[in-house]
Protein backbone atom coordinates (compact mmCIF):
# COMPACT_ATOMS: atom_id res chain seq x y z
CA MET A 1 7.75 113.70 -84.21
CA GLY A 2 8.59 117.35 -83.63
CA LEU A 3 10.10 119.60 -86.26
CA THR A 4 13.68 120.76 -86.02
CA HIS A 5 15.77 123.47 -87.61
CA THR A 6 19.51 123.89 -87.78
CA THR A 7 21.45 126.67 -86.04
CA GLY A 8 24.88 125.77 -87.26
CA PRO A 9 27.03 122.91 -88.49
CA GLY A 10 25.90 119.73 -86.74
CA ARG A 11 23.51 121.53 -84.34
CA THR A 12 19.75 121.11 -84.32
CA VAL A 13 17.11 122.64 -82.04
CA ALA A 14 13.62 121.24 -81.56
CA ALA A 15 11.02 123.62 -83.01
CA GLU A 16 8.07 121.69 -81.65
CA GLN A 17 7.93 119.26 -78.82
CA GLU A 18 6.18 115.95 -79.04
CA PRO A 19 2.39 116.12 -78.75
CA GLY A 20 1.10 115.80 -75.19
CA ARG A 21 4.33 117.11 -73.61
CA ARG A 22 4.29 120.48 -71.91
CA ARG A 23 7.31 122.64 -71.39
CA SER A 24 7.93 123.10 -67.68
CA ARG A 25 8.39 126.56 -66.29
CA PRO A 26 10.20 127.62 -63.11
CA GLY A 27 6.97 128.84 -61.51
CA ASP A 28 5.04 125.62 -62.12
CA ARG A 29 6.68 123.76 -59.29
CA ARG A 30 6.14 126.68 -56.93
CA ARG A 31 2.44 126.90 -57.84
CA SER A 32 1.98 123.17 -57.57
CA ARG A 33 2.86 123.09 -53.89
CA PRO A 34 -0.26 123.44 -51.73
CA GLY A 35 -0.26 126.63 -49.65
CA ALA A 36 2.91 127.99 -51.24
CA GLU A 37 1.34 131.39 -51.95
CA ARG A 38 -1.04 131.44 -49.01
CA PRO A 39 0.05 134.19 -46.57
CA ASN A 40 0.13 133.40 -42.88
CA TRP A 41 -1.80 136.41 -41.61
CA LEU A 42 -2.21 135.04 -38.09
CA GLY A 43 1.50 134.38 -37.70
CA GLY A 44 2.42 137.80 -39.10
CA ILE A 45 0.00 139.68 -36.83
CA THR A 46 1.15 137.69 -33.80
CA SER A 47 4.80 138.41 -34.60
CA TRP A 48 4.22 142.16 -34.92
CA LEU A 49 2.17 142.16 -31.72
CA TRP A 50 4.93 140.35 -29.82
CA LEU A 51 7.53 142.74 -31.27
CA ALA A 52 5.49 145.70 -30.00
CA ILE A 53 5.17 144.13 -26.54
CA VAL A 54 8.95 143.67 -26.35
CA ILE A 55 10.12 146.89 -27.99
CA VAL A 56 7.82 149.41 -26.26
CA PRO A 57 9.27 148.90 -22.72
CA ILE A 58 12.81 149.05 -24.10
CA TYR A 59 11.99 152.25 -25.97
CA TRP A 60 10.46 153.77 -22.83
CA ILE A 61 13.52 152.90 -20.72
CA VAL A 62 15.96 154.43 -23.20
CA ILE A 63 14.09 157.70 -23.81
CA THR A 64 13.28 158.19 -20.12
CA SER A 65 16.94 157.86 -19.18
CA PHE A 66 17.59 161.04 -21.22
CA LYS A 67 14.84 163.06 -19.52
CA ALA A 68 15.30 165.42 -16.61
CA GLN A 69 13.67 164.44 -13.35
CA SER A 70 11.68 167.70 -13.24
CA SER A 71 10.09 167.06 -16.65
CA TYR A 72 9.47 163.33 -16.22
CA TYR A 73 5.96 163.64 -14.77
CA ALA A 74 5.04 166.64 -16.92
CA THR A 75 5.50 164.98 -20.33
CA ASN A 76 4.01 162.03 -22.17
CA PRO A 77 5.83 158.86 -21.02
CA LEU A 78 6.28 157.63 -24.61
CA ALA A 79 7.20 161.02 -26.09
CA PRO A 80 10.87 161.70 -26.85
CA PRO A 81 12.56 164.10 -24.42
CA PRO A 82 12.21 167.72 -25.58
CA GLU A 83 15.70 168.50 -24.25
CA PRO A 84 17.80 165.30 -23.99
CA THR A 85 20.32 165.37 -21.20
CA LEU A 86 23.16 163.15 -19.99
CA ALA A 87 22.84 164.38 -16.40
CA ASN A 88 21.29 161.08 -15.30
CA TYR A 89 24.20 159.03 -16.64
CA LYS A 90 26.66 161.46 -15.05
CA MET A 91 24.85 161.10 -11.72
CA VAL A 92 24.91 157.32 -11.95
CA ILE A 93 28.62 157.18 -12.76
CA GLU A 94 29.46 159.58 -9.92
CA SER A 95 27.39 157.52 -7.43
CA ASP A 96 29.98 154.72 -7.04
CA PHE A 97 28.70 152.98 -10.16
CA PRO A 98 32.23 151.78 -11.16
CA LEU A 99 32.57 150.07 -7.77
CA TYR A 100 29.22 148.30 -8.10
CA PHE A 101 30.07 147.36 -11.67
CA LEU A 102 33.38 145.84 -10.55
CA ASN A 103 31.66 143.86 -7.78
CA SER A 104 29.12 142.43 -10.23
CA LEU A 105 31.89 141.60 -12.69
CA ILE A 106 33.95 139.78 -10.04
CA VAL A 107 30.94 137.80 -8.81
CA THR A 108 29.77 136.90 -12.33
CA VAL A 109 33.16 135.83 -13.70
CA GLY A 110 34.16 134.14 -10.45
CA ALA A 111 30.97 132.06 -10.46
CA VAL A 112 30.42 131.37 -14.16
CA VAL A 113 33.90 130.10 -15.04
CA PRO A 114 34.11 127.43 -12.27
CA ALA A 115 30.44 126.49 -12.69
CA VAL A 116 30.74 125.87 -16.44
CA ALA A 117 34.07 124.03 -16.10
CA VAL A 118 32.82 121.76 -13.31
CA SER A 119 29.51 121.18 -15.08
CA PHE A 120 31.20 120.22 -18.35
CA MET A 121 33.53 117.72 -16.68
CA ALA A 122 30.68 116.30 -14.59
CA ALA A 123 28.46 115.94 -17.67
CA TYR A 124 31.25 114.12 -19.51
CA ALA A 125 31.79 111.75 -16.58
CA ILE A 126 28.06 111.03 -16.31
CA VAL A 127 27.71 110.27 -20.04
CA ARG A 128 30.92 108.27 -20.46
CA GLY A 129 30.62 106.44 -17.14
CA GLY A 130 26.86 106.02 -16.94
CA SER A 131 27.20 102.35 -15.95
CA PHE A 132 28.67 103.22 -12.55
CA ARG A 133 26.14 103.42 -9.76
CA PHE A 134 27.95 106.32 -8.10
CA LEU A 135 27.71 108.48 -11.23
CA ARG A 136 24.02 107.66 -11.61
CA GLY A 137 23.51 108.82 -8.03
CA VAL A 138 25.41 112.05 -8.74
CA ASN A 139 23.23 112.67 -11.80
CA ALA A 140 20.09 112.13 -9.72
CA LEU A 141 21.47 114.57 -7.14
CA PHE A 142 21.93 117.22 -9.83
CA LEU A 143 18.39 116.65 -11.07
CA MET A 144 17.08 117.09 -7.53
CA GLY A 145 18.87 120.44 -7.44
CA LEU A 146 16.65 121.66 -10.28
CA ALA A 147 13.54 121.06 -8.18
CA ILE A 148 14.71 123.22 -5.27
CA PRO A 149 14.28 126.98 -5.86
CA LEU A 150 16.69 129.54 -4.50
CA GLN A 151 14.03 131.14 -2.31
CA ALA A 152 13.47 127.88 -0.43
CA THR A 153 17.14 127.53 0.54
CA ILE A 154 18.05 131.13 1.31
CA ILE A 155 17.91 130.61 5.11
CA PRO A 156 20.18 127.51 5.14
CA VAL A 157 22.55 129.27 2.73
CA TYR A 158 22.59 132.31 5.01
CA LEU A 159 23.47 130.17 8.04
CA ILE A 160 26.19 128.28 6.16
CA ILE A 161 27.79 131.49 4.93
CA ILE A 162 27.81 132.88 8.48
CA ARG A 163 29.40 129.66 9.82
CA LEU A 164 32.08 129.91 7.13
CA ARG A 165 32.65 133.56 8.12
CA LEU A 166 32.04 134.69 4.55
CA TYR A 167 29.15 137.03 5.28
CA ASP A 168 29.40 140.46 3.63
CA SER A 169 32.05 139.33 1.15
CA LEU A 170 32.13 138.67 -2.58
CA THR A 171 33.28 135.10 -1.93
CA GLY A 172 30.07 134.54 0.00
CA LEU A 173 28.15 135.49 -3.18
CA ILE A 174 30.30 133.44 -5.55
CA LEU A 175 30.02 130.07 -3.80
CA PRO A 176 26.18 129.86 -3.67
CA SER A 177 25.99 131.17 -7.25
CA ILE A 178 28.20 128.29 -8.40
CA ALA A 179 26.07 125.76 -6.52
CA PHE A 180 22.82 126.97 -8.09
CA ALA A 181 24.30 127.20 -11.60
CA VAL A 182 25.69 123.66 -11.75
CA PRO A 183 22.49 121.48 -11.91
CA LEU A 184 20.95 123.03 -15.01
CA SER A 185 24.35 123.31 -16.70
CA VAL A 186 25.04 119.61 -16.15
CA LEU A 187 21.64 118.67 -17.56
CA ILE A 188 22.12 120.71 -20.75
CA LEU A 189 25.73 119.71 -21.36
CA SER A 190 25.14 116.02 -20.70
CA ASN A 191 22.39 115.96 -23.33
CA PHE A 192 24.73 117.49 -25.89
CA ILE A 193 27.62 115.16 -25.04
CA ARG A 194 25.26 112.19 -25.28
CA ASP A 195 24.54 113.14 -28.91
CA VAL A 196 28.21 112.78 -29.88
CA PRO A 197 28.62 109.44 -31.73
CA LYS A 198 30.23 106.73 -29.61
CA GLU A 199 32.41 105.74 -32.55
CA LEU A 200 34.34 108.98 -32.20
CA PHE A 201 35.14 108.27 -28.56
CA GLU A 202 36.20 104.73 -29.41
CA SER A 203 38.41 106.01 -32.22
CA MET A 204 40.15 108.41 -29.86
CA ARG A 205 40.69 105.64 -27.34
CA MET A 206 42.16 103.34 -30.02
CA ASP A 207 44.57 106.14 -30.94
CA GLY A 208 45.84 106.13 -27.36
CA ALA A 209 44.15 109.31 -26.17
CA SER A 210 43.41 109.64 -22.47
CA GLU A 211 40.01 110.61 -21.08
CA TRP A 212 41.30 114.10 -20.33
CA MET A 213 42.51 114.53 -23.91
CA THR A 214 39.24 113.14 -25.28
CA LEU A 215 37.31 115.56 -23.08
CA TRP A 216 39.01 118.72 -24.38
CA ARG A 217 39.94 117.70 -27.92
CA LEU A 218 36.77 115.86 -28.93
CA ALA A 219 33.85 116.55 -26.61
CA TYR A 220 34.50 120.25 -26.10
CA PRO A 221 34.78 121.30 -29.80
CA LEU A 222 31.63 119.36 -30.68
CA THR A 223 29.62 120.82 -27.79
CA ARG A 224 30.94 124.39 -27.95
CA PRO A 225 27.50 125.89 -28.81
CA ALA A 226 26.06 124.31 -25.67
CA VAL A 227 28.95 125.60 -23.56
CA VAL A 228 28.46 129.14 -24.88
CA THR A 229 24.71 128.90 -24.29
CA VAL A 230 25.17 127.76 -20.70
CA THR A 231 27.81 130.44 -20.10
CA ILE A 232 25.60 133.29 -21.33
CA TYR A 233 22.56 132.00 -19.45
CA ASN A 234 24.44 131.67 -16.16
CA ALA A 235 26.13 135.04 -16.64
CA LEU A 236 22.78 136.70 -17.22
CA THR A 237 21.23 135.02 -14.17
CA ILE A 238 24.10 135.87 -11.81
CA TRP A 239 24.56 139.39 -13.17
CA ASN A 240 20.90 140.20 -12.51
CA GLY A 241 20.79 138.36 -9.20
CA PHE A 242 19.15 140.33 -6.39
CA LEU A 243 18.20 137.96 -3.58
CA LEU A 244 21.67 136.64 -2.72
CA PRO A 245 23.35 140.08 -2.61
CA LEU A 246 20.42 141.40 -0.57
CA ILE A 247 20.68 138.67 2.08
CA LEU A 248 24.41 137.94 2.12
CA THR A 249 25.85 141.48 2.02
CA GLN A 250 25.48 144.51 4.24
CA SER A 251 28.23 147.02 3.43
CA ALA A 252 27.75 149.57 0.69
CA ASP A 253 31.11 148.70 -0.90
CA LYS A 254 29.97 145.09 -1.43
CA ARG A 255 26.81 145.93 -3.33
CA THR A 256 26.25 144.68 -6.84
CA LEU A 257 24.49 146.56 -9.63
CA PRO A 258 20.92 145.37 -8.85
CA LEU A 259 21.33 146.64 -5.28
CA ALA A 260 22.82 149.89 -6.56
CA LEU A 261 19.36 150.93 -7.77
CA TRP A 262 18.54 151.68 -4.15
CA THR A 263 20.93 154.61 -4.30
CA PHE A 264 18.42 156.63 -6.33
CA GLN A 265 15.46 155.87 -4.05
CA GLY A 266 14.62 158.55 -1.52
CA GLN A 267 12.28 158.45 1.44
CA TYR A 268 9.27 159.81 -0.43
CA SER A 269 10.20 159.64 -4.13
CA VAL A 270 12.26 157.79 -6.67
CA ASN A 271 14.50 159.35 -9.30
CA VAL A 272 13.06 157.32 -12.16
CA PRO A 273 15.28 158.71 -14.97
CA ALA A 274 18.41 157.99 -12.94
CA VAL A 275 17.20 154.47 -12.14
CA LEU A 276 16.56 153.79 -15.82
CA ALA A 277 19.95 155.23 -16.77
CA SER A 278 21.47 152.74 -14.33
CA VAL A 279 19.42 149.97 -15.95
CA VAL A 280 20.76 150.91 -19.39
CA LEU A 281 24.36 150.87 -18.17
CA THR A 282 23.77 147.56 -16.40
CA THR A 283 22.43 145.96 -19.58
CA LEU A 284 25.35 146.96 -21.82
CA PRO A 285 27.80 144.20 -20.65
CA ILE A 286 25.21 141.46 -21.22
CA LEU A 287 24.38 142.93 -24.62
CA PHE A 288 28.07 142.96 -25.51
CA LEU A 289 28.40 139.34 -24.39
CA TYR A 290 25.45 138.36 -26.56
CA VAL A 291 26.90 140.13 -29.62
CA ILE A 292 30.14 138.18 -29.21
CA GLY A 293 28.56 134.74 -28.80
CA ARG A 294 25.26 135.14 -30.66
CA ARG A 295 26.09 132.57 -33.34
CA GLN A 296 27.09 129.90 -30.85
CA LEU A 297 24.12 130.83 -28.68
CA LEU A 298 21.61 130.43 -31.51
CA SER A 299 23.23 127.14 -32.54
CA GLY A 300 22.91 125.83 -29.00
CA LEU A 301 19.30 126.96 -28.62
CA THR A 302 18.16 125.54 -31.96
CA ALA A 303 20.15 122.30 -31.88
CA GLY A 304 17.25 120.38 -30.43
CA PHE A 305 14.92 121.51 -33.21
CA THR A 306 17.19 120.51 -36.09
CA LYS A 307 17.74 116.89 -35.12
């Protein structure tokens, strides 16, 4: 038996433990795990290499936007500007940039909001009414839409827009953008709604809730990360869209921001600092949208890896 000594009235502390027993230390468990202290050099080097690949172009775009056009070709491309200037941003803003920004905003909001709303309701109907043959056919039709790229349908879309007399209008950009955003949105949202336990839907039905109430009070709160993810993805795709505005618009006052880059392209040269200043200003709204919904976005992107 181990020896004990007293520390006060009625209190004893073991002076020696029983033979063969070893006092455990906090670091023992950490050292006992295999590979706990083995550094992952390959993963660390790969991460730093990927960070350099991503950050160097962004750094070049930002510093070049503050350079004068006369000194752009005379300095090191990766060197900071010797005399930073805001003349490029002033030129961009004075070159009808607010009008192009407003056109892109109208097209993006006008296409994303209906596309996400329709996709969410369609995904709920497909999941909750999967036994109906009509809904299975609609789901198959959405899946077929994923296999058809935009470039393959640009001529039929062009002819349809002309027949509808919507050519050279923002409405003619919004409608095709909605159509191409719905298939992928339905696929993502239906997978998230399918993961909601059926017992919750049955409980809502027993409480007398309608399908519409169940859709917005049960399915929507539980799938909010997926909705935010789909919203940001579609907004980014439509905001940066170039092919549809190029084919379906003609007037200068109907241009979106990607087409506005042509303003700084001359016959024999390109004002690179002004173009990059326009790129920086074009990226700010998407960056702001990401900052607002980054938590929901990360939850939606990583949901499939945590199940």
